[in-house]
Amino acid sequence: MILRFRTLFTAISLVAVLASGAQAGPIRDLLKNLREERKGGATTATDAELRPITVSFQGTNRTFFVYVPQSVAGRSNVPAVVVFHGGGGDISGLAAASEMTIAADAFGFVAIFPSVVSGQWNDGRSGTASGYDDVGFVRAIVGNSSSLFGVDLGRIFAAGISNGGMFTQRLSCDAADLISAAAIVSANMPADYQSQCRPSQSVPKVFFNGTSDPIMPWSGGEVKSLAALGLGAGGQVLSHDQTKDFWLAMDGCNNSASTRNRPDVSNDGTTVTQSTYASCRGSSQLEFFDIKGGGHSWPGSSVRARRVAGKVSQDISATAEMIAFFQKYGL
């Protein structure tokens, strides 16, 4: 994507201001301004510059898509955010909903969008189990991206929604050495996998879950499968509170949280409570955004979600919040 000079200068200036301390509010404003610039005529990343890369893994050709901002092209030791789509999801839709390519332009990281083979990430549910080693595939992606695009192996961040969010939690279990921090959207912990989760170290994590999510049950139980739309694999998940307690125990966190209600700026029928657990093992943190009335969606997205997914809260930007969180750990 070619940004106009004014936009690029504004982005660089704001990044310099923000570098001393991550603040989600200014980040959200910056992303909004850059979004409007794209709508004003610049080519979008989803049109032209999500570069497909094919690798052979386990004897199968697998694909991931990479967005490299002009500001970091040809450089080395560049951080990367790997973003995982939901079950049956598509890359261009996720790139548009998350606006992660806009964030990549603003903050100078490589955005990577892997694709599954069988429609579902092998996230630990029995219904998504397959012969595909998706964790190994992610390791291969990261190694490939380091060779091709100068990605820093010590600054790899993961984010995912729904099936991708459950898989991001599996990465926090099985590839804790690889992930500097993770963001989980509309996803609880798969019940089938909790006993198998044995991370080698704590991974800082931020969660975004809606109390009125019609697909990923806030209270736990069966994940809704939308067979008519060809989406979903069902399976049991822990409740939101059980997921929180699981990770607090797994990461050795102090149970004392700093909690605040975020301003209801959008009057869209949702409100947001943010809870931060700052004292976890290895100087990591856990953060939870509980979205009352929120649905199965990426908060702050300007892309309209399916009607069956429920409300998309506009009181926060999940992308801005996770970028601010990632910046604490080297983004």
Protein backbone atom coordinates (compact mmCIF):
# COMPACT_ATOMS: atom_id res chain seq x y z
CA MET A 1 0.00 0.00 0.00
CA ILE A 2 1.29 3.48 -0.87
CA LEU A 3 0.35 6.01 1.76
CA ARG A 4 0.24 9.66 0.91
CA PHE A 5 3.14 11.59 2.43
CA ARG A 6 0.96 13.50 4.90
CA THR A 7 -0.46 10.27 6.31
CA LEU A 8 2.95 8.60 6.54
CA PHE A 9 4.43 11.65 8.26
CA THR A 10 1.53 11.75 10.71
CA ALA A 11 1.91 8.04 11.45
CA ILE A 12 5.66 8.33 12.07
CA SER A 13 5.16 11.35 14.32
CA LEU A 14 2.48 9.67 16.40
CA VAL A 15 4.52 6.49 16.70
CA ALA A 16 7.40 8.55 18.09
CA VAL A 17 5.07 10.15 20.63
CA LEU A 18 3.63 6.78 21.64
CA ALA A 19 6.95 4.98 21.86
CA SER A 20 7.55 6.01 25.46
CA GLY A 21 4.31 4.43 26.68
CA ALA A 22 1.59 2.41 24.97
CA GLN A 23 -1.81 4.09 25.13
CA ALA A 24 -4.74 2.47 23.32
CA GLY A 25 -6.71 5.71 22.89
CA PRO A 26 -4.15 7.49 20.68
CA ILE A 27 -3.49 4.23 18.84
CA ARG A 28 -7.20 3.90 18.07
CA ASP A 29 -7.31 7.48 16.76
CA LEU A 30 -4.28 6.86 14.58
CA LEU A 31 -5.76 3.69 13.09
CA LYS A 32 -9.03 5.52 12.41
CA ASN A 33 -7.19 8.32 10.59
CA LEU A 34 -5.23 5.87 8.48
CA ARG A 35 -8.43 3.95 7.68
CA GLU A 36 -10.01 7.14 6.38
CA GLU A 37 -6.93 7.84 4.27
CA ARG A 38 -7.29 4.43 2.65
CA LYS A 39 -10.94 5.06 1.93
CA GLY A 40 -9.89 8.36 0.37
CA GLY A 41 -8.24 6.62 -2.54
CA ALA A 42 -5.13 4.70 -1.51
CA THR A 43 -4.91 1.05 -2.50
CA THR A 44 -5.88 -1.29 0.32
CA ALA A 45 -3.62 -4.09 1.42
CA THR A 46 -6.33 -6.66 0.79
CA ASP A 47 -6.51 -5.55 -2.86
CA ALA A 48 -2.86 -5.73 -3.72
CA GLU A 49 -0.22 -6.45 -1.14
CA LEU A 50 -1.13 -9.49 0.91
CA ARG A 51 1.64 -11.63 -0.55
CA PRO A 52 0.90 -15.38 -0.68
CA ILE A 53 3.75 -17.66 0.36
CA THR A 54 3.58 -21.42 -0.15
CA VAL A 55 5.64 -23.81 1.94
CA SER A 56 5.82 -27.58 1.92
CA PHE A 57 5.03 -28.91 5.38
CA GLN A 58 4.27 -32.54 6.27
CA GLY A 59 4.26 -33.28 2.58
CA THR A 60 1.49 -30.76 1.91
CA ASN A 61 1.74 -27.37 0.24
CA ARG A 62 0.40 -24.84 2.72
CA THR A 63 -0.13 -21.11 2.30
CA PHE A 64 0.23 -18.03 4.44
CA PHE A 65 -0.13 -14.39 3.46
CA VAL A 66 2.30 -11.64 4.45
CA TYR A 67 2.00 -7.88 4.56
CA VAL A 68 5.31 -6.01 4.76
CA PRO A 69 5.06 -2.23 5.23
CA GLN A 70 7.37 -0.16 3.06
CA SER A 71 8.94 1.28 6.20
CA VAL A 72 10.41 -2.11 7.21
CA ALA A 73 11.01 -3.72 3.82
CA GLY A 74 14.59 -4.95 3.58
CA ARG A 75 15.27 -4.46 7.29
CA SER A 76 16.21 -7.11 9.82
CA ASN A 77 14.96 -7.77 13.37
CA VAL A 78 11.41 -6.68 12.55
CA PRO A 79 8.59 -7.80 14.89
CA ALA A 80 5.66 -9.78 13.49
CA VAL A 81 2.01 -10.27 14.42
CA VAL A 82 0.57 -13.60 13.27
CA VAL A 83 -3.23 -13.41 12.95
CA PHE A 84 -5.41 -16.55 12.87
CA HIS A 85 -8.82 -16.58 11.22
CA GLY A 86 -11.87 -18.33 12.65
CA GLY A 87 -13.21 -21.65 11.45
CA GLY A 88 -14.10 -21.44 7.79
CA GLY A 89 -12.85 -17.86 7.77
CA ASP A 90 -11.06 -16.08 4.98
CA ILE A 91 -7.86 -14.04 4.99
CA SER A 92 -9.13 -10.90 3.25
CA GLY A 93 -12.13 -10.73 5.59
CA LEU A 94 -9.90 -11.04 8.64
CA ALA A 95 -7.45 -8.44 7.34
CA ALA A 96 -10.33 -6.02 6.79
CA ALA A 97 -12.05 -6.70 10.13
CA SER A 98 -8.86 -6.51 12.20
CA GLU A 99 -7.25 -3.67 10.23
CA MET A 100 -3.96 -5.32 11.14
CA THR A 101 -2.31 -4.16 7.93
CA ILE A 102 -3.14 -0.56 8.89
CA ALA A 103 -1.58 -1.18 12.30
CA ALA A 104 1.45 -2.73 10.59
CA ASP A 105 1.94 0.45 8.55
CA ALA A 106 1.61 2.61 11.65
CA PHE A 107 3.85 0.62 13.97
CA GLY A 108 6.37 -1.02 11.68
CA PHE A 109 5.73 -4.74 11.98
CA VAL A 110 5.12 -7.58 9.54
CA ALA A 111 1.54 -8.90 9.54
CA ILE A 112 1.18 -12.62 8.80
CA PHE A 113 -2.12 -14.36 8.03
CA PRO A 114 -1.83 -18.17 7.91
CA SER A 115 -4.44 -20.36 6.27
CA VAL A 116 -5.69 -23.79 7.34
CA VAL A 117 -5.92 -26.93 5.23
CA SER A 118 -9.18 -28.41 6.48
CA GLY A 119 -11.23 -25.35 7.48
CA GLN A 120 -10.45 -25.52 11.20
CA TRP A 121 -7.29 -24.90 13.18
CA ASN A 122 -6.31 -27.90 15.26
CA ASP A 123 -7.15 -26.00 18.46
CA GLY A 124 -7.41 -28.88 20.93
CA ARG A 125 -11.11 -29.74 20.55
CA SER A 126 -11.74 -33.32 19.55
CA GLY A 127 -13.84 -32.06 16.62
CA THR A 128 -10.90 -30.16 15.12
CA ALA A 129 -8.29 -32.88 15.65
CA SER A 130 -6.49 -33.85 12.45
CA GLY A 131 -3.22 -35.16 11.16
CA TYR A 132 -2.06 -31.61 10.47
CA ASP A 133 0.49 -30.26 12.93
CA ASP A 134 -0.68 -26.65 12.93
CA VAL A 135 1.67 -25.69 15.77
CA GLY A 136 4.58 -27.02 13.73
CA PHE A 137 3.24 -25.15 10.69
CA VAL A 138 3.36 -21.88 12.66
CA ARG A 139 6.97 -22.57 13.60
CA ALA A 140 7.72 -23.15 9.92
CA ILE A 141 5.96 -19.91 8.96
CA VAL A 142 7.96 -17.93 11.48
CA GLY A 143 11.25 -19.44 10.35
CA ASN A 144 10.38 -18.76 6.72
CA SER A 145 9.39 -15.17 7.50
CA SER A 146 12.64 -14.63 9.35
CA SER A 147 14.61 -15.70 6.28
CA LEU A 148 12.51 -13.82 3.73
CA PHE A 149 11.41 -10.69 5.57
CA GLY A 150 13.84 -10.19 8.44
CA VAL A 151 11.32 -11.12 11.14
CA ASP A 152 12.82 -11.12 14.64
CA LEU A 153 12.40 -14.58 16.18
CA GLY A 154 12.36 -12.97 19.62
CA ARG A 155 9.40 -10.71 18.85
CA ILE A 156 6.59 -12.90 17.55
CA PHE A 157 3.04 -12.00 18.61
CA ALA A 158 -0.13 -14.01 18.01
CA ALA A 159 -3.77 -12.98 17.68
CA GLY A 160 -6.83 -14.99 16.71
CA ILE A 161 -10.60 -14.96 16.67
CA SER A 162 -12.98 -17.83 17.47
CA ASN A 163 -11.33 -21.08 16.27
CA GLY A 164 -8.23 -18.94 15.69
CA GLY A 165 -8.51 -17.61 19.25
CA MET A 166 -8.69 -21.11 20.68
CA PHE A 167 -5.71 -22.09 18.55
CA THR A 168 -3.84 -19.01 19.84
CA GLN A 169 -4.38 -20.39 23.34
CA ARG A 170 -3.00 -23.74 22.19
CA LEU A 171 0.08 -21.92 20.91
CA SER A 172 0.43 -20.40 24.39
CA CYS A 173 0.52 -23.98 25.68
CA ASP A 174 2.61 -25.74 23.04
CA ALA A 175 4.80 -22.94 21.68
CA ALA A 176 5.27 -20.66 24.66
CA ASP A 177 8.93 -20.30 23.72
CA LEU A 178 7.90 -18.79 20.37
CA ILE A 179 5.22 -16.28 21.39
CA SER A 180 6.09 -13.00 23.12
CA ALA A 181 2.42 -12.17 23.83
CA ALA A 182 -1.01 -13.24 22.56
CA ALA A 183 -4.47 -11.78 21.96
CA ILE A 184 -7.61 -13.91 22.02
CA VAL A 185 -10.90 -12.67 20.54
CA SER A 186 -14.28 -14.40 21.02
CA ALA A 187 -12.77 -17.62 22.33
CA ASN A 188 -12.72 -19.61 25.55
CA MET A 189 -10.42 -22.50 26.45
CA PRO A 190 -11.32 -25.83 24.78
CA ALA A 191 -12.42 -28.23 27.53
CA ASP A 192 -10.69 -31.13 25.78
CA TYR A 193 -7.32 -29.42 25.93
CA GLN A 194 -7.01 -27.94 29.41
CA SER A 195 -5.39 -31.06 30.90
CA GLN A 196 -2.85 -31.17 28.04
CA CYS A 197 -1.71 -27.56 28.38
CA ARG A 198 1.83 -27.49 29.80
CA PRO A 199 3.54 -24.27 28.73
CA SER A 200 7.29 -24.01 29.18
CA GLN A 201 6.85 -20.41 30.35
CA SER A 202 4.13 -17.83 30.86
CA VAL A 203 2.87 -15.98 27.79
CA PRO A 204 1.23 -12.57 28.41
CA LYS A 205 -2.34 -12.67 27.08
CA VAL A 206 -5.23 -10.28 26.48
CA PHE A 207 -8.80 -11.56 25.98
CA PHE A 208 -11.89 -9.97 24.37
CA ASN A 209 -15.16 -11.85 25.00
CA GLY A 210 -18.81 -10.86 24.68
CA THR A 211 -21.44 -11.84 27.23
CA SER A 212 -24.04 -12.23 24.46
CA ASP A 213 -21.89 -14.20 22.05
CA PRO A 214 -24.33 -16.59 20.32
CA ILE A 215 -21.56 -18.91 19.11
CA MET A 216 -18.87 -19.03 21.80
CA PRO A 217 -20.90 -19.49 25.01
CA TRP A 218 -19.93 -17.05 27.77
CA SER A 219 -21.12 -19.58 30.36
CA GLY A 220 -19.29 -22.47 28.71
CA GLY A 221 -20.64 -25.59 27.07
CA GLU A 222 -21.21 -26.43 23.42
CA VAL A 223 -19.83 -24.12 20.73
CA LYS A 224 -22.58 -23.42 18.22
CA SER A 225 -22.07 -25.00 14.83
CA LEU A 226 -23.62 -23.15 11.87
CA ALA A 227 -23.96 -26.11 9.53
CA ALA A 228 -26.14 -24.19 7.05
CA LEU A 229 -23.30 -21.72 6.55
CA GLY A 230 -20.61 -24.38 6.55
CA LEU A 231 -19.13 -22.95 9.74
CA GLY A 232 -18.21 -24.37 13.11
CA ALA A 233 -17.01 -27.65 14.57
CA GLY A 234 -18.93 -27.67 17.84
CA GLY A 235 -17.19 -29.07 20.89
CA GLN A 236 -17.08 -28.09 24.54
CA VAL A 237 -15.37 -25.02 25.96
CA LEU A 238 -14.85 -23.70 29.46
CA SER A 239 -16.85 -20.67 30.54
CA HIS A 240 -15.28 -17.23 30.36
CA ASP A 241 -14.71 -17.24 34.13
CA GLN A 242 -13.27 -20.76 34.05
CA THR A 243 -10.97 -19.74 31.20
CA LYS A 244 -9.81 -16.78 33.27
CA ASP A 245 -9.22 -18.94 36.35
CA PHE A 246 -7.40 -21.54 34.24
CA TRP A 247 -4.89 -19.03 32.94
CA LEU A 248 -4.49 -17.25 36.26
CA ALA A 249 -3.46 -20.55 37.80
CA MET A 250 -1.37 -21.68 34.83
CA ASP A 251 0.54 -18.39 34.67
CA GLY A 252 0.98 -18.08 38.43
CA CYS A 253 -0.87 -14.78 38.68
CA ASN A 254 -1.82 -12.88 41.80
CA ASN A 255 -5.63 -12.99 41.94
CA SER A 256 -5.82 -9.27 42.68
CA ALA A 257 -7.03 -7.40 39.60
CA SER A 258 -7.13 -3.76 38.63
CA THR A 259 -10.61 -3.26 37.18
CA ARG A 260 -12.20 -0.29 35.42
CA ASN A 261 -15.27 0.38 33.35
CA ARG A 262 -14.45 1.84 29.97
CA PRO A 263 -16.46 4.86 28.77
CA ASP A 264 -19.66 4.00 26.89
CA VAL A 265 -18.75 6.14 23.90
CA SER A 266 -20.85 4.51 21.19
CA ASN A 267 -24.30 3.96 22.73
CA ASP A 268 -24.50 0.71 20.77
CA GLY A 269 -25.96 -1.46 23.53
CA THR A 270 -22.60 -2.71 24.77
CA THR A 271 -20.38 -1.74 27.69
CA VAL A 272 -16.84 -2.84 28.49
CA THR A 273 -15.09 -3.76 31.73
CA GLN A 274 -11.31 -4.15 31.68
CA SER A 275 -9.50 -6.28 34.28
CA THR A 276 -5.72 -6.44 34.50
CA TYR A 277 -3.72 -8.99 36.47
CA ALA A 278 -0.27 -7.43 36.56
CA SER A 279 1.63 -9.89 38.75
CA CYS A 280 2.08 -13.16 36.89
CA ARG A 281 5.05 -15.48 36.56
CA GLY A 282 7.95 -14.18 34.51
CA SER A 283 6.79 -10.53 34.62
CA SER A 284 3.85 -11.37 32.36
CA GLN A 285 0.29 -10.06 32.62
CA LEU A 286 -3.23 -11.23 31.87
CA GLU A 287 -5.83 -8.76 30.69
CA PHE A 288 -9.55 -9.33 30.09
CA PHE A 289 -12.05 -7.13 28.26
CA ASP A 290 -15.56 -8.29 29.23
CA ILE A 291 -18.01 -6.88 26.70
CA LYS A 292 -21.53 -6.81 28.09
CA GLY A 293 -23.95 -7.28 25.21
CA GLY A 294 -21.11 -8.03 22.80
CA GLY A 295 -21.35 -10.77 20.19
CA HIS A 296 -19.02 -13.03 18.23
CA SER A 297 -16.95 -10.33 16.61
CA TRP A 298 -13.78 -8.23 16.55
CA PRO A 299 -14.54 -5.18 18.78
CA GLY A 300 -14.08 -1.87 17.04
CA SER A 301 -14.22 -3.35 13.54
CA SER A 302 -15.79 -1.20 10.86
CA VAL A 303 -16.74 -4.36 8.93
CA ARG A 304 -20.31 -5.44 9.54
CA ALA A 305 -20.46 -8.89 11.12
CA ARG A 306 -22.96 -11.58 10.13
CA ARG A 307 -26.35 -11.00 11.73
CA VAL A 308 -26.08 -14.32 13.57
CA ALA A 309 -22.87 -13.11 15.26
CA GLY A 310 -24.49 -10.43 17.41
CA LYS A 311 -23.27 -6.92 18.22
CA VAL A 312 -19.85 -5.52 17.38
CA SER A 313 -18.92 -3.21 20.24
CA GLN A 314 -17.54 0.17 19.21
CA ASP A 315 -16.60 1.20 22.74
CA ILE A 316 -13.08 -0.14 22.24
CA SER A 317 -10.84 -1.19 19.38
CA ALA A 318 -9.52 -4.68 20.01
CA THR A 319 -6.67 -3.99 17.58
CA ALA A 320 -5.64 -0.80 19.38
CA GLU A 321 -5.84 -2.53 22.76
CA MET A 322 -3.79 -5.53 21.67
CA ILE A 323 -1.17 -3.35 19.99
CA ALA A 324 -0.84 -1.36 23.24
CA PHE A 325 -0.56 -4.65 25.13
CA PHE A 326 2.02 -6.06 22.69
CA GLN A 327 4.12 -2.92 22.99
CA LYS A 328 4.76 -3.81 26.63
CA TYR A 329 6.56 -6.91 25.37
CA GLY A 330 8.66 -5.57 22.53
CA LEU A 331 6.39 -4.86 19.55
